[in-house]
């Protein structure tokens, strides 16, 4: 089941205190970015935050589950989804620990057919 765009918008609004939050649709579900870093996934209308030591310190004992079949476990956020301040703290901590995204390689010019 794909995620509902209204749910993704709600999640992004809840995370807004952490910085510039954006989302991108990927294979029917969504990646959630904070300041250009993927910090979470929204799959089947559930929020999965990337696992980090800093995030674990904020959560305590997280519920972990894979966001999709074959994925590594992420922190599944359920009861705290309505707690904007707590989510801001979690996403800021997660963002701080994640590496900067690798710069994209420039696309090669298409060869001219003659």
Protein backbone atom coordinates (compact mmCIF):
# COMPACT_ATOMS: atom_id res chain seq x y z
CA UNK A 1 0.00 0.00 0.00
CA UNK A 2 1.39 3.39 -0.97
CA UNK A 3 1.44 6.28 1.48
CA UNK A 4 -1.23 8.96 1.41
CA UNK A 5 0.16 12.39 0.32
CA UNK A 6 -1.88 14.08 3.08
CA UNK A 7 -0.17 11.90 5.70
CA UNK A 8 3.26 12.76 4.24
CA UNK A 9 2.38 16.46 4.37
CA UNK A 10 1.33 16.08 8.02
CA UNK A 11 4.60 14.34 8.89
CA UNK A 12 6.65 17.02 7.14
CA UNK A 13 4.72 19.72 8.99
CA UNK A 14 5.36 17.96 12.30
CA UNK A 15 9.11 17.83 11.54
CA UNK A 16 9.27 21.46 10.39
CA UNK A 17 10.93 22.71 13.57
CA UNK A 18 14.06 20.69 12.76
CA UNK A 19 14.93 22.74 9.66
CA UNK A 20 14.05 22.75 5.97
CA UNK A 21 11.96 19.60 5.53
CA UNK A 22 11.11 18.25 2.10
CA UNK A 23 9.85 14.95 0.77
CA UNK A 24 10.26 13.05 -2.46
CA UNK A 25 8.07 10.28 -3.78
CA UNK A 26 9.98 7.07 -4.38
CA UNK A 27 8.35 3.81 -5.49
CA UNK A 28 4.96 4.75 -4.07
CA UNK A 29 6.35 5.84 -0.72
CA UNK A 30 8.42 8.84 0.36
CA UNK A 31 11.87 9.86 1.51
CA UNK A 32 11.91 12.73 4.01
CA UNK A 33 14.82 15.17 3.90
CA UNK A 34 16.08 17.59 6.52
CA UNK A 35 18.43 20.22 5.09
CA UNK A 36 19.16 17.91 2.14
CA UNK A 37 19.86 14.73 4.13
CA UNK A 38 17.47 11.77 4.10
CA UNK A 39 16.47 11.41 7.73
CA UNK A 40 13.33 9.30 7.42
CA UNK A 41 11.02 7.30 5.20
CA UNK A 42 7.24 7.29 5.08
CA UNK A 43 6.05 3.86 4.02
CA UNK A 44 2.49 2.55 4.28
CA UNK A 45 1.52 5.70 6.22
CA UNK A 46 4.12 5.04 8.91
CA UNK A 47 7.16 7.15 9.83
CA UNK A 48 10.53 5.37 9.92
CA UNK A 49 13.52 7.43 11.12
CA UNK A 50 17.04 6.42 10.13
CA UNK A 51 18.74 4.70 13.04
CA UNK A 52 21.59 6.61 14.70
CA UNK A 53 23.16 6.53 18.16
CA UNK A 54 21.94 10.09 18.77
CA UNK A 55 18.41 9.14 17.76
CA UNK A 56 18.50 6.11 20.02
CA UNK A 57 19.55 8.38 22.92
CA UNK A 58 16.49 10.58 22.30
CA UNK A 59 14.07 7.65 21.97
CA UNK A 60 15.44 5.37 24.68
CA UNK A 61 14.16 1.95 23.63
CA UNK A 62 12.96 2.37 20.05
CA UNK A 63 10.64 0.07 18.18
CA UNK A 64 12.60 -1.03 15.14
CA UNK A 65 11.14 -2.38 11.91
CA UNK A 66 12.08 -2.41 8.24
CA UNK A 67 10.17 0.23 6.26
CA UNK A 68 9.83 -2.15 3.30
CA UNK A 69 10.76 -5.78 2.61
CA UNK A 70 14.51 -6.29 2.54
CA UNK A 71 15.34 -2.94 4.20
CA UNK A 72 17.45 -2.52 7.30
CA UNK A 73 15.44 -1.76 10.45
CA UNK A 74 14.63 1.88 11.13
CA UNK A 75 13.08 3.52 14.21
CA UNK A 76 9.30 3.21 13.85
CA UNK A 77 7.60 6.33 15.22
CA UNK A 78 4.01 5.79 16.25
CA UNK A 79 2.72 7.22 19.54
CA UNK A 80 5.03 10.25 19.39
CA UNK A 81 3.91 11.33 15.90
CA UNK A 82 1.75 14.11 17.36
CA UNK A 83 4.53 15.44 19.64
CA UNK A 84 6.11 18.09 17.43
CA UNK A 85 8.78 19.15 19.97
CA UNK A 86 9.93 15.58 20.54
CA UNK A 87 10.07 14.90 16.79
CA UNK A 88 12.09 18.09 16.27
CA UNK A 89 14.62 16.93 18.85
CA UNK A 90 14.81 13.47 17.27
CA UNK A 91 15.25 14.72 13.71
CA UNK A 92 17.85 17.33 14.71
CA UNK A 93 19.86 14.65 16.53
CA UNK A 94 19.54 12.25 13.60
CA UNK A 95 20.47 14.93 11.05
CA UNK A 96 23.57 15.95 13.03
CA UNK A 97 24.91 12.39 13.00
CA UNK A 98 24.27 11.57 9.35
CA UNK A 99 27.01 12.26 6.78
CA UNK A 100 26.64 14.97 4.19
CA UNK A 101 25.17 13.65 0.94
CA UNK A 102 27.68 12.90 -1.78
CA UNK A 103 27.74 15.54 -4.50
CA UNK A 104 25.93 14.49 -7.63
CA UNK A 105 28.04 13.83 -10.67
CA UNK A 106 27.25 16.08 -13.60
CA UNK A 107 25.26 14.34 -16.28
CA UNK A 108 27.30 13.55 -19.36
CA UNK A 109 26.24 15.33 -22.52
CA UNK A 110 24.43 13.05 -24.91
CA UNK A 111 26.57 12.04 -27.86
CA UNK A 112 25.40 13.46 -31.18
CA UNK A 113 24.34 10.92 -33.71
CA UNK A 114 25.74 11.52 -37.13
